[in-house]
Amino acid sequence: MKIAAVTCQKSLPDAELLVRFIMRRLSEIEPDHEPPPVLIALALAVGFREKRFHDPLREQISSSSDNAETILKMYKDLFMPALWGQILDGSDMDEENPFPGEGGCQRVLQYALVEGTRLLAERDFQFLDIFRFLTRTGLSLYSFRLWQFESACTSFQDDPASIVREGIEIIRTALGSPQDYK
């Protein structure tokens, strides 16, 4: 598992790309619809180091979102460790259970599946690193599937469409299978 974690750290998308991705996806949402919890949790994690952005957003989520608990859990248990290498106080992770919850991982994988499908349909791979990041983060519970995805990324490093296609198949398999980290 440590090998995969090191590989993930080397290939994190840069902050500018993450912000561009979040802003693009938020701009595409109808005004009367709430953004997907995964996108909000990712925005909160990206803004963690910028307190003037982070604190008001977190307060807004806590006070007004129907999905506040889900969003904050994904933020603390999945995106913070993946982006910043730290676990926040109040996280459900502990020494006996160092893995995030399966529900959060599956939500991230479902969102990665949507993004991967979109990348292939649009044939625009500018957010490939976001797809990789979301897939790796969502697969953090599934060590064998994570290894498969890392192998696909290495094998197809010059072919973004193949990375996405393989990633989609791995995600679909992970979403249909029980936890395989035990």
N, C-alpha and C. Protein backbone atom coordinates (compact mmCIF):
# COMPACT_ATOMS: atom_id res chain seq x y z
N MET A 1 0.82 -1.20 0.00
CA MET A 1 0.00 0.00 0.00
C MET A 1 0.86 1.26 0.00
N LYS A 2 2.02 1.23 0.65
CA LYS A 2 2.88 2.42 0.69
C LYS A 2 3.39 2.78 -0.70
N ILE A 3 3.66 1.81 -1.53
CA ILE A 3 4.14 2.09 -2.88
C ILE A 3 3.10 2.90 -3.64
N ALA A 4 1.84 2.48 -3.56
CA ALA A 4 0.77 3.20 -4.25
C ALA A 4 0.64 4.62 -3.71
N ALA A 5 0.77 4.79 -2.41
CA ALA A 5 0.64 6.12 -1.81
C ALA A 5 1.75 7.04 -2.31
N VAL A 6 2.95 6.51 -2.44
CA VAL A 6 4.06 7.31 -2.95
C VAL A 6 3.80 7.71 -4.39
N THR A 7 3.32 6.76 -5.20
CA THR A 7 3.01 7.06 -6.59
C THR A 7 1.96 8.14 -6.69
N CYS A 8 0.94 8.06 -5.85
CA CYS A 8 -0.12 9.08 -5.87
C CYS A 8 0.44 10.45 -5.52
N GLN A 9 1.32 10.53 -4.55
CA GLN A 9 1.88 11.81 -4.15
C GLN A 9 2.66 12.45 -5.30
N LYS A 10 3.34 11.64 -6.09
CA LYS A 10 4.13 12.18 -7.19
C LYS A 10 3.26 12.74 -8.30
N SER A 11 2.03 12.28 -8.40
CA SER A 11 1.22 12.66 -9.54
C SER A 11 -0.02 13.46 -9.16
N LEU A 12 0.06 14.23 -8.10
CA LEU A 12 -1.06 15.08 -7.74
C LEU A 12 -1.23 16.19 -8.76
N PRO A 13 -2.47 16.51 -9.09
CA PRO A 13 -2.67 17.64 -10.01
C PRO A 13 -2.26 18.94 -9.31
N ASP A 14 -1.78 19.89 -10.07
CA ASP A 14 -1.38 21.14 -9.43
C ASP A 14 -2.62 21.93 -9.02
N ALA A 15 -2.43 22.85 -8.09
CA ALA A 15 -3.54 23.62 -7.52
C ALA A 15 -4.28 24.41 -8.58
N GLU A 16 -3.56 24.97 -9.53
CA GLU A 16 -4.22 25.76 -10.58
C GLU A 16 -5.17 24.90 -11.41
N LEU A 17 -4.74 23.70 -11.75
CA LEU A 17 -5.59 22.79 -12.51
C LEU A 17 -6.83 22.41 -11.70
N LEU A 18 -6.64 22.11 -10.43
CA LEU A 18 -7.77 21.77 -9.57
C LEU A 18 -8.77 22.92 -9.49
N VAL A 19 -8.28 24.12 -9.32
CA VAL A 19 -9.17 25.28 -9.24
C VAL A 19 -9.91 25.49 -10.56
N ARG A 20 -9.19 25.38 -11.69
CA ARG A 20 -9.84 25.52 -13.00
C ARG A 20 -10.93 24.47 -13.19
N PHE A 21 -10.64 23.25 -12.79
CA PHE A 21 -11.61 22.16 -12.89
C PHE A 21 -12.84 22.46 -12.04
N ILE A 22 -12.63 22.82 -10.80
CA ILE A 22 -13.75 23.09 -9.89
C ILE A 22 -14.59 24.26 -10.41
N MET A 23 -13.93 25.32 -10.84
CA MET A 23 -14.66 26.48 -11.35
C MET A 23 -15.46 26.12 -12.61
N ARG A 24 -14.86 25.35 -13.50
CA ARG A 24 -15.57 24.95 -14.72
C ARG A 24 -16.81 24.13 -14.38
N ARG A 25 -16.63 23.13 -13.51
CA ARG A 25 -17.76 22.27 -13.17
C ARG A 25 -18.84 23.03 -12.40
N LEU A 26 -18.46 23.93 -11.51
CA LEU A 26 -19.45 24.73 -10.79
C LEU A 26 -20.21 25.65 -11.73
N SER A 27 -19.53 26.19 -12.73
CA SER A 27 -20.20 27.09 -13.67
C SER A 27 -21.21 26.36 -14.55
N GLU A 28 -21.10 25.05 -14.65
CA GLU A 28 -22.01 24.26 -15.48
C GLU A 28 -23.27 23.81 -14.75
N ILE A 29 -23.33 24.08 -13.46
CA ILE A 29 -24.47 23.63 -12.64
C ILE A 29 -25.57 24.68 -12.67
N GLU A 30 -26.77 24.22 -12.84
CA GLU A 30 -27.93 25.11 -12.84
C GLU A 30 -28.02 25.83 -11.49
N PRO A 31 -28.44 27.10 -11.49
CA PRO A 31 -28.49 27.88 -10.25
C PRO A 31 -29.35 27.26 -9.14
N ASP A 32 -30.39 26.54 -9.50
CA ASP A 32 -31.26 25.97 -8.47
C ASP A 32 -30.86 24.55 -8.05
N HIS A 33 -29.71 24.07 -8.50
CA HIS A 33 -29.21 22.74 -8.13
C HIS A 33 -27.98 22.88 -7.25
N GLU A 34 -27.86 21.98 -6.28
CA GLU A 34 -26.67 21.95 -5.43
C GLU A 34 -25.58 21.16 -6.16
N PRO A 35 -24.34 21.64 -6.10
CA PRO A 35 -23.24 20.90 -6.73
C PRO A 35 -23.07 19.52 -6.10
N PRO A 36 -22.50 18.58 -6.83
CA PRO A 36 -22.26 17.25 -6.27
C PRO A 36 -21.39 17.34 -5.02
N PRO A 37 -21.70 16.54 -4.00
CA PRO A 37 -20.91 16.56 -2.76
C PRO A 37 -19.41 16.36 -2.99
N VAL A 38 -19.05 15.51 -3.95
CA VAL A 38 -17.63 15.26 -4.22
C VAL A 38 -16.94 16.56 -4.67
N LEU A 39 -17.60 17.31 -5.51
CA LEU A 39 -17.02 18.56 -6.01
C LEU A 39 -16.86 19.58 -4.89
N ILE A 40 -17.84 19.67 -4.01
CA ILE A 40 -17.76 20.61 -2.88
C ILE A 40 -16.65 20.18 -1.92
N ALA A 41 -16.58 18.88 -1.63
CA ALA A 41 -15.53 18.38 -0.73
C ALA A 41 -14.15 18.64 -1.31
N LEU A 42 -14.01 18.47 -2.62
CA LEU A 42 -12.73 18.73 -3.27
C LEU A 42 -12.38 20.22 -3.19
N ALA A 43 -13.36 21.08 -3.42
CA ALA A 43 -13.12 22.53 -3.33
C ALA A 43 -12.69 22.92 -1.93
N LEU A 44 -13.32 22.33 -0.93
CA LEU A 44 -12.96 22.64 0.45
C LEU A 44 -11.53 22.20 0.75
N ALA A 45 -11.14 21.03 0.26
CA ALA A 45 -9.78 20.54 0.50
C ALA A 45 -8.75 21.38 -0.25
N VAL A 46 -9.07 21.77 -1.48
CA VAL A 46 -8.14 22.59 -2.26
C VAL A 46 -7.91 23.92 -1.57
N GLY A 47 -8.97 24.48 -0.99
CA GLY A 47 -8.87 25.78 -0.34
C GLY A 47 -8.39 25.73 1.10
N PHE A 48 -8.00 24.57 1.58
CA PHE A 48 -7.63 24.40 2.99
C PHE A 48 -6.58 25.40 3.46
N ARG A 49 -5.58 25.63 2.67
CA ARG A 49 -4.48 26.51 3.09
C ARG A 49 -4.82 27.99 2.94
N GLU A 50 -5.92 28.30 2.27
CA GLU A 50 -6.34 29.69 2.11
C GLU A 50 -7.56 29.92 3.01
N LYS A 51 -7.29 30.31 4.26
CA LYS A 51 -8.33 30.39 5.28
C LYS A 51 -9.48 31.33 4.92
N ARG A 52 -9.21 32.41 4.22
CA ARG A 52 -10.29 33.35 3.89
C ARG A 52 -11.28 32.74 2.91
N PHE A 53 -10.85 31.74 2.16
CA PHE A 53 -11.75 31.01 1.28
C PHE A 53 -12.35 29.81 2.01
N HIS A 54 -11.49 29.07 2.68
CA HIS A 54 -11.86 27.81 3.30
C HIS A 54 -12.89 27.97 4.42
N ASP A 55 -12.63 28.86 5.35
CA ASP A 55 -13.50 28.97 6.52
C ASP A 55 -14.93 29.38 6.19
N PRO A 56 -15.14 30.40 5.35
CA PRO A 56 -16.52 30.74 4.99
C PRO A 56 -17.23 29.61 4.21
N LEU A 57 -16.49 28.92 3.32
CA LEU A 57 -17.09 27.83 2.58
C LEU A 57 -17.50 26.70 3.52
N ARG A 58 -16.63 26.36 4.45
CA ARG A 58 -16.96 25.30 5.40
C ARG A 58 -18.17 25.68 6.24
N GLU A 59 -18.22 26.92 6.69
CA GLU A 59 -19.37 27.39 7.47
C GLU A 59 -20.65 27.32 6.65
N GLN A 60 -20.57 27.73 5.40
CA GLN A 60 -21.74 27.70 4.51
C GLN A 60 -22.22 26.26 4.31
N ILE A 61 -21.30 25.36 4.10
CA ILE A 61 -21.65 23.95 3.91
C ILE A 61 -22.30 23.40 5.17
N SER A 62 -21.69 23.68 6.32
CA SER A 62 -22.19 23.16 7.59
C SER A 62 -23.60 23.66 7.90
N SER A 63 -23.89 24.89 7.53
CA SER A 63 -25.16 25.48 7.91
C SER A 63 -26.28 25.31 6.89
N SER A 64 -25.94 25.07 5.63
CA SER A 64 -27.00 25.10 4.63
C SER A 64 -27.13 23.87 3.74
N SER A 65 -26.15 23.00 3.70
CA SER A 65 -26.19 21.88 2.76
C SER A 65 -26.93 20.69 3.35
N ASP A 66 -27.78 20.09 2.54
CA ASP A 66 -28.45 18.86 2.95
C ASP A 66 -27.45 17.71 3.04
N ASN A 67 -26.33 17.83 2.36
CA ASN A 67 -25.30 16.79 2.33
C ASN A 67 -24.08 17.14 3.17
N ALA A 68 -24.23 18.04 4.13
CA ALA A 68 -23.08 18.54 4.89
C ALA A 68 -22.24 17.42 5.50
N GLU A 69 -22.88 16.46 6.11
CA GLU A 69 -22.13 15.38 6.77
C GLU A 69 -21.31 14.58 5.76
N THR A 70 -21.92 14.26 4.63
CA THR A 70 -21.24 13.52 3.57
C THR A 70 -20.06 14.32 3.02
N ILE A 71 -20.29 15.59 2.75
CA ILE A 71 -19.26 16.46 2.19
C ILE A 71 -18.08 16.59 3.14
N LEU A 72 -18.36 16.88 4.39
CA LEU A 72 -17.29 17.09 5.36
C LEU A 72 -16.52 15.80 5.63
N LYS A 73 -17.20 14.67 5.60
CA LYS A 73 -16.52 13.39 5.79
C LYS A 73 -15.57 13.09 4.63
N MET A 74 -16.03 13.30 3.39
CA MET A 74 -15.14 13.09 2.23
C MET A 74 -13.96 14.05 2.29
N TYR A 75 -14.23 15.28 2.66
CA TYR A 75 -13.19 16.30 2.77
C TYR A 75 -12.12 15.87 3.76
N LYS A 76 -12.55 15.46 4.95
CA LYS A 76 -11.59 15.11 6.01
C LYS A 76 -10.90 13.78 5.78
N ASP A 77 -11.67 12.78 5.36
CA ASP A 77 -11.14 11.42 5.32
C ASP A 77 -10.48 11.03 4.00
N LEU A 78 -10.85 11.70 2.91
CA LEU A 78 -10.31 11.32 1.60
C LEU A 78 -9.43 12.40 0.98
N PHE A 79 -10.00 13.58 0.79
CA PHE A 79 -9.28 14.59 0.02
C PHE A 79 -8.16 15.26 0.80
N MET A 80 -8.34 15.49 2.08
CA MET A 80 -7.24 16.11 2.85
C MET A 80 -6.00 15.22 2.87
N PRO A 81 -6.14 13.94 3.23
CA PRO A 81 -4.94 13.09 3.19
C PRO A 81 -4.35 12.96 1.79
N ALA A 82 -5.19 12.91 0.77
CA ALA A 82 -4.69 12.73 -0.59
C ALA A 82 -3.97 13.98 -1.09
N LEU A 83 -4.50 15.17 -0.79
CA LEU A 83 -3.89 16.40 -1.28
C LEU A 83 -2.76 16.92 -0.40
N TRP A 84 -2.98 16.84 0.89
CA TRP A 84 -2.05 17.50 1.81
C TRP A 84 -1.29 16.54 2.71
N GLY A 85 -1.61 15.24 2.64
CA GLY A 85 -0.89 14.26 3.45
C GLY A 85 -1.19 14.36 4.92
N GLN A 86 -2.37 14.85 5.27
CA GLN A 86 -2.71 14.96 6.68
C GLN A 86 -4.16 14.58 6.91
N ILE A 87 -4.42 14.14 8.11
CA ILE A 87 -5.77 13.79 8.53
C ILE A 87 -6.19 14.83 9.55
N LEU A 88 -7.37 15.37 9.39
CA LEU A 88 -7.87 16.41 10.29
C LEU A 88 -8.40 15.82 11.58
N ASP A 89 -8.34 16.60 12.65
CA ASP A 89 -8.97 16.19 13.90
C ASP A 89 -10.45 15.97 13.64
N GLY A 90 -11.00 14.97 14.28
CA GLY A 90 -12.41 14.67 14.09
C GLY A 90 -12.66 13.69 12.95
N SER A 91 -11.60 13.28 12.28
CA SER A 91 -11.75 12.30 11.21
C SER A 91 -12.10 10.96 11.82
N ASP A 92 -12.83 10.14 11.07
CA ASP A 92 -13.21 8.82 11.55
C ASP A 92 -12.07 7.82 11.47
N MET A 93 -10.97 8.19 10.81
CA MET A 93 -9.85 7.26 10.69
C MET A 93 -9.10 7.19 12.02
N ASP A 94 -8.70 6.00 12.39
CA ASP A 94 -7.90 5.82 13.59
C ASP A 94 -6.88 4.72 13.35
N GLU A 95 -6.12 4.39 14.38
CA GLU A 95 -5.05 3.41 14.21
C GLU A 95 -5.59 2.02 13.89
N GLU A 96 -6.76 1.66 14.44
CA GLU A 96 -7.32 0.35 14.17
C GLU A 96 -7.90 0.25 12.76
N ASN A 97 -8.42 1.35 12.24
CA ASN A 97 -9.02 1.37 10.92
C ASN A 97 -8.45 2.55 10.14
N PRO A 98 -7.28 2.36 9.52
CA PRO A 98 -6.63 3.47 8.84
C PRO A 98 -7.24 3.82 7.48
N PHE A 99 -8.28 3.11 7.07
CA PHE A 99 -8.88 3.35 5.77
C PHE A 99 -10.11 4.24 5.89
N PRO A 100 -10.38 5.03 4.87
CA PRO A 100 -11.60 5.83 4.86
C PRO A 100 -12.81 4.91 4.67
N GLY A 101 -13.98 5.44 4.89
CA GLY A 101 -15.20 4.65 4.72
C GLY A 101 -15.46 4.28 3.28
N GLU A 102 -16.08 3.14 3.09
CA GLU A 102 -16.36 2.65 1.74
C GLU A 102 -17.35 3.57 1.02
N GLY A 103 -18.31 4.12 1.75
CA GLY A 103 -19.30 5.00 1.13
C GLY A 103 -18.65 6.21 0.47
N GLY A 104 -17.72 6.86 1.15
CA GLY A 104 -17.02 8.02 0.59
C GLY A 104 -16.20 7.64 -0.63
N CYS A 105 -15.50 6.52 -0.55
CA CYS A 105 -14.71 6.06 -1.69
C CYS A 105 -15.60 5.78 -2.89
N GLN A 106 -16.74 5.16 -2.64
CA GLN A 106 -17.63 4.86 -3.75
C GLN A 106 -18.21 6.13 -4.37
N ARG A 107 -18.51 7.14 -3.56
CA ARG A 107 -19.00 8.41 -4.12
C ARG A 107 -17.93 9.05 -5.01
N VAL A 108 -16.69 9.00 -4.55
CA VAL A 108 -15.61 9.57 -5.35
C VAL A 108 -15.44 8.77 -6.64
N LEU A 109 -15.52 7.46 -6.55
CA LEU A 109 -15.41 6.63 -7.75
C LEU A 109 -16.56 6.88 -8.72
N GLN A 110 -17.76 7.04 -8.21
CA GLN A 110 -18.90 7.34 -9.08
C GLN A 110 -18.68 8.67 -9.80
N TYR A 111 -18.15 9.65 -9.09
CA TYR A 111 -17.88 10.94 -9.71
C TYR A 111 -16.75 10.81 -10.74
N ALA A 112 -15.72 10.02 -10.41
CA ALA A 112 -14.62 9.78 -11.36
C ALA A 112 -15.15 9.08 -12.61
N LEU A 113 -16.10 8.19 -12.44
CA LEU A 113 -16.70 7.50 -13.57
C LEU A 113 -17.41 8.49 -14.50
N VAL A 114 -18.16 9.41 -13.91
CA VAL A 114 -18.83 10.45 -14.70
C VAL A 114 -17.80 11.31 -15.43
N GLU A 115 -16.76 11.72 -14.73
CA GLU A 115 -15.72 12.56 -15.35
C GLU A 115 -14.98 11.81 -16.45
N GLY A 116 -14.67 10.54 -16.22
CA GLY A 116 -13.99 9.74 -17.23
C GLY A 116 -14.83 9.58 -18.48
N THR A 117 -16.10 9.31 -18.29
CA THR A 117 -17.01 9.18 -19.42
C THR A 117 -17.09 10.50 -20.19
N ARG A 118 -17.10 11.57 -19.46
CA ARG A 118 -17.14 12.90 -20.09
C ARG A 118 -15.86 13.19 -20.88
N LEU A 119 -14.71 12.84 -20.30
CA LEU A 119 -13.44 13.03 -21.01
C LEU A 119 -13.44 12.29 -22.35
N LEU A 120 -13.89 11.05 -22.32
CA LEU A 120 -13.92 10.27 -23.56
C LEU A 120 -14.91 10.84 -24.57
N ALA A 121 -16.07 11.24 -24.09
CA ALA A 121 -17.09 11.77 -25.00
C ALA A 121 -16.63 13.08 -25.65
N GLU A 122 -15.99 13.94 -24.86
CA GLU A 122 -15.55 15.24 -25.37
C GLU A 122 -14.20 15.16 -26.08
N ARG A 123 -13.48 14.08 -25.86
CA ARG A 123 -12.13 13.89 -26.41
C ARG A 123 -11.21 15.07 -26.05
N ASP A 124 -11.44 15.57 -24.86
CA ASP A 124 -10.65 16.68 -24.32
C ASP A 124 -10.07 16.19 -23.00
N PHE A 125 -8.76 16.04 -22.97
CA PHE A 125 -8.11 15.42 -21.81
C PHE A 125 -7.38 16.43 -20.93
N GLN A 126 -7.79 17.70 -20.95
CA GLN A 126 -7.13 18.69 -20.13
C GLN A 126 -7.28 18.39 -18.63
N PHE A 127 -8.34 17.65 -18.25
CA PHE A 127 -8.55 17.31 -16.85
C PHE A 127 -8.22 15.85 -16.56
N LEU A 128 -7.35 15.26 -17.37
CA LEU A 128 -6.94 13.88 -17.15
C LEU A 128 -6.33 13.70 -15.76
N ASP A 129 -5.50 14.64 -15.32
CA ASP A 129 -4.89 14.51 -14.00
C ASP A 129 -5.93 14.54 -12.88
N ILE A 130 -7.04 15.23 -13.10
CA ILE A 130 -8.12 15.24 -12.12
C ILE A 130 -8.78 13.87 -12.09
N PHE A 131 -9.02 13.29 -13.26
CA PHE A 131 -9.58 11.93 -13.33
C PHE A 131 -8.66 10.95 -12.60
N ARG A 132 -7.37 11.04 -12.87
CA ARG A 132 -6.42 10.15 -12.19
C ARG A 132 -6.48 10.34 -10.68
N PHE A 133 -6.47 11.59 -10.25
CA PHE A 133 -6.51 11.88 -8.81
C PHE A 133 -7.79 11.34 -8.17
N LEU A 134 -8.93 11.60 -8.78
CA LEU A 134 -10.19 11.12 -8.22
C LEU A 134 -10.22 9.59 -8.19
N THR A 135 -9.74 8.96 -9.26
CA THR A 135 -9.73 7.50 -9.31
C THR A 135 -8.81 6.93 -8.25
N ARG A 136 -7.61 7.47 -8.13
CA ARG A 136 -6.68 6.97 -7.10
C ARG A 136 -7.25 7.18 -5.70
N THR A 137 -7.83 8.32 -5.47
CA THR A 137 -8.40 8.61 -4.15
C THR A 137 -9.55 7.66 -3.86
N GLY A 138 -10.43 7.47 -4.81
CA GLY A 138 -11.55 6.55 -4.61
C GLY A 138 -11.13 5.10 -4.46
N LEU A 139 -10.04 4.73 -5.11
CA LEU A 139 -9.55 3.35 -5.02
C LEU A 139 -8.66 3.12 -3.79
N SER A 140 -8.53 4.10 -2.93
CA SER A 140 -7.64 3.95 -1.77
C SER A 140 -8.03 2.79 -0.87
N LEU A 141 -9.27 2.37 -0.91
CA LEU A 141 -9.72 1.21 -0.14
C LEU A 141 -9.43 -0.12 -0.84
N TYR A 142 -9.24 -0.06 -2.12
CA TYR A 142 -9.15 -1.26 -2.94
C TYR A 142 -7.73 -1.41 -3.49
N SER A 143 -6.85 -1.97 -2.70
CA SER A 143 -5.43 -1.97 -3.05
C SER A 143 -5.14 -2.66 -4.38
N PHE A 144 -5.82 -3.78 -4.66
CA PHE A 144 -5.56 -4.46 -5.93
C PHE A 144 -6.04 -3.62 -7.11
N ARG A 145 -7.21 -3.01 -6.98
CA ARG A 145 -7.74 -2.15 -8.05
C ARG A 145 -6.86 -0.92 -8.24
N LEU A 146 -6.34 -0.38 -7.15
CA LEU A 146 -5.43 0.76 -7.23
C LEU A 146 -4.16 0.35 -7.97
N TRP A 147 -3.64 -0.82 -7.66
CA TRP A 147 -2.47 -1.33 -8.37
C TRP A 147 -2.77 -1.48 -9.86
N GLN A 148 -3.95 -2.01 -10.19
CA GLN A 148 -4.33 -2.15 -11.60
C GLN A 148 -4.35 -0.79 -12.30
N PHE A 149 -4.92 0.20 -11.62
CA PHE A 149 -5.00 1.53 -12.22
C PHE A 149 -3.62 2.14 -12.40
N GLU A 150 -2.75 1.98 -11.40
CA GLU A 150 -1.38 2.49 -11.51
C GLU A 150 -0.66 1.83 -12.68
N SER A 151 -0.88 0.53 -12.86
CA SER A 151 -0.27 -0.19 -13.98
C SER A 151 -0.78 0.34 -15.31
N ALA A 152 -2.08 0.61 -15.38
CA ALA A 152 -2.65 1.16 -16.62
C ALA A 152 -2.08 2.53 -16.91
N CYS A 153 -1.93 3.36 -15.88
CA CYS A 153 -1.36 4.70 -16.08
C CYS A 153 0.06 4.61 -16.60
N THR A 154 0.82 3.65 -16.09
CA THR A 154 2.19 3.46 -16.55
C THR A 154 2.22 2.90 -17.98
N SER A 155 1.41 1.92 -18.24
CA SER A 155 1.38 1.28 -19.56
C SER A 155 0.94 2.23 -20.66
N PHE A 156 -0.01 3.09 -20.35
CA PHE A 156 -0.59 3.97 -21.37
C PHE A 156 -0.24 5.43 -21.14
N GLN A 157 0.94 5.69 -20.60
CA GLN A 157 1.29 7.06 -20.22
C GLN A 157 1.21 8.05 -21.38
N ASP A 158 1.34 7.59 -22.61
CA ASP A 158 1.26 8.48 -23.77
C ASP A 158 -0.08 8.39 -24.49
N ASP A 159 -1.04 7.72 -23.88
CA ASP A 159 -2.35 7.52 -24.51
C ASP A 159 -3.46 7.81 -23.49
N PRO A 160 -3.84 9.08 -23.34
CA PRO A 160 -4.82 9.44 -22.31
C PRO A 160 -6.17 8.73 -22.47
N ALA A 161 -6.61 8.51 -23.69
CA ALA A 161 -7.89 7.83 -23.90
C ALA A 161 -7.85 6.41 -23.34
N SER A 162 -6.74 5.71 -23.52
CA SER A 162 -6.62 4.35 -22.98
C SER A 162 -6.56 4.36 -21.46
N ILE A 163 -5.90 5.35 -20.88
CA ILE A 163 -5.88 5.47 -19.42
C ILE A 163 -7.31 5.62 -18.91
N VAL A 164 -8.07 6.48 -19.54
CA VAL A 164 -9.45 6.72 -19.10
C VAL A 164 -10.30 5.47 -19.30
N ARG A 165 -10.20 4.84 -20.47
CA ARG A 165 -10.99 3.62 -20.72
C ARG A 165 -10.67 2.54 -19.69
N GLU A 166 -9.37 2.29 -19.46
CA GLU A 166 -8.98 1.29 -18.46
C GLU A 166 -9.45 1.70 -17.06
N GLY A 167 -9.30 2.98 -16.75
CA GLY A 167 -9.75 3.48 -15.46
C GLY A 167 -11.23 3.27 -15.25
N ILE A 168 -12.02 3.54 -16.27
CA ILE A 168 -13.46 3.35 -16.17
C ILE A 168 -13.80 1.89 -15.89
N GLU A 169 -13.13 0.98 -16.57
CA GLU A 169 -13.39 -0.45 -16.34
C GLU A 169 -12.99 -0.85 -14.92
N ILE A 170 -11.88 -0.34 -14.44
CA ILE A 170 -11.43 -0.66 -13.08
C ILE A 170 -12.41 -0.08 -12.06
N ILE A 171 -12.88 1.14 -12.30
CA ILE A 171 -13.85 1.76 -11.40
C ILE A 171 -15.13 0.93 -11.37
N ARG A 172 -15.63 0.55 -12.54
CA ARG A 172 -16.86 -0.26 -12.59
C ARG A 172 -16.69 -1.56 -11.82
N THR A 173 -15.55 -2.19 -11.96
CA THR A 173 -15.28 -3.43 -11.23
C THR A 173 -15.24 -3.17 -9.73
N ALA A 174 -14.57 -2.11 -9.32
CA ALA A 174 -14.47 -1.79 -7.89
C ALA A 174 -15.84 -1.47 -7.30
N LEU A 175 -16.66 -0.76 -8.05
CA LEU A 175 -17.98 -0.40 -7.54
C LEU A 175 -18.90 -1.61 -7.42
N GLY A 176 -18.60 -2.64 -8.19
CA GLY A 176 -19.43 -3.84 -8.14
C GLY A 176 -18.88 -4.93 -7.26
N SER A 177 -17.73 -4.67 -6.64
CA SER A 177 -17.10 -5.73 -5.85
C SER A 177 -17.01 -5.33 -4.38
N PRO A 178 -16.93 -6.33 -3.51
CA PRO A 178 -16.74 -6.01 -2.09
C PRO A 178 -15.34 -5.46 -1.85
N GLN A 179 -15.13 -4.94 -0.66
CA GLN A 179 -13.81 -4.42 -0.32
C GLN A 179 -12.78 -5.53 -0.48
N ASP A 180 -11.71 -5.23 -1.20
CA ASP A 180 -10.70 -6.27 -1.42
C ASP A 180 -9.39 -5.94 -0.73
N TYR A 181 -9.45 -5.12 0.31
CA TYR A 181 -8.24 -4.81 1.04
C TYR A 181 -8.04 -5.71 2.23
N LYS A 182 -9.01 -6.52 2.56
CA LYS A 182 -8.92 -7.37 3.76
C LYS A 182 -8.05 -8.56 3.52
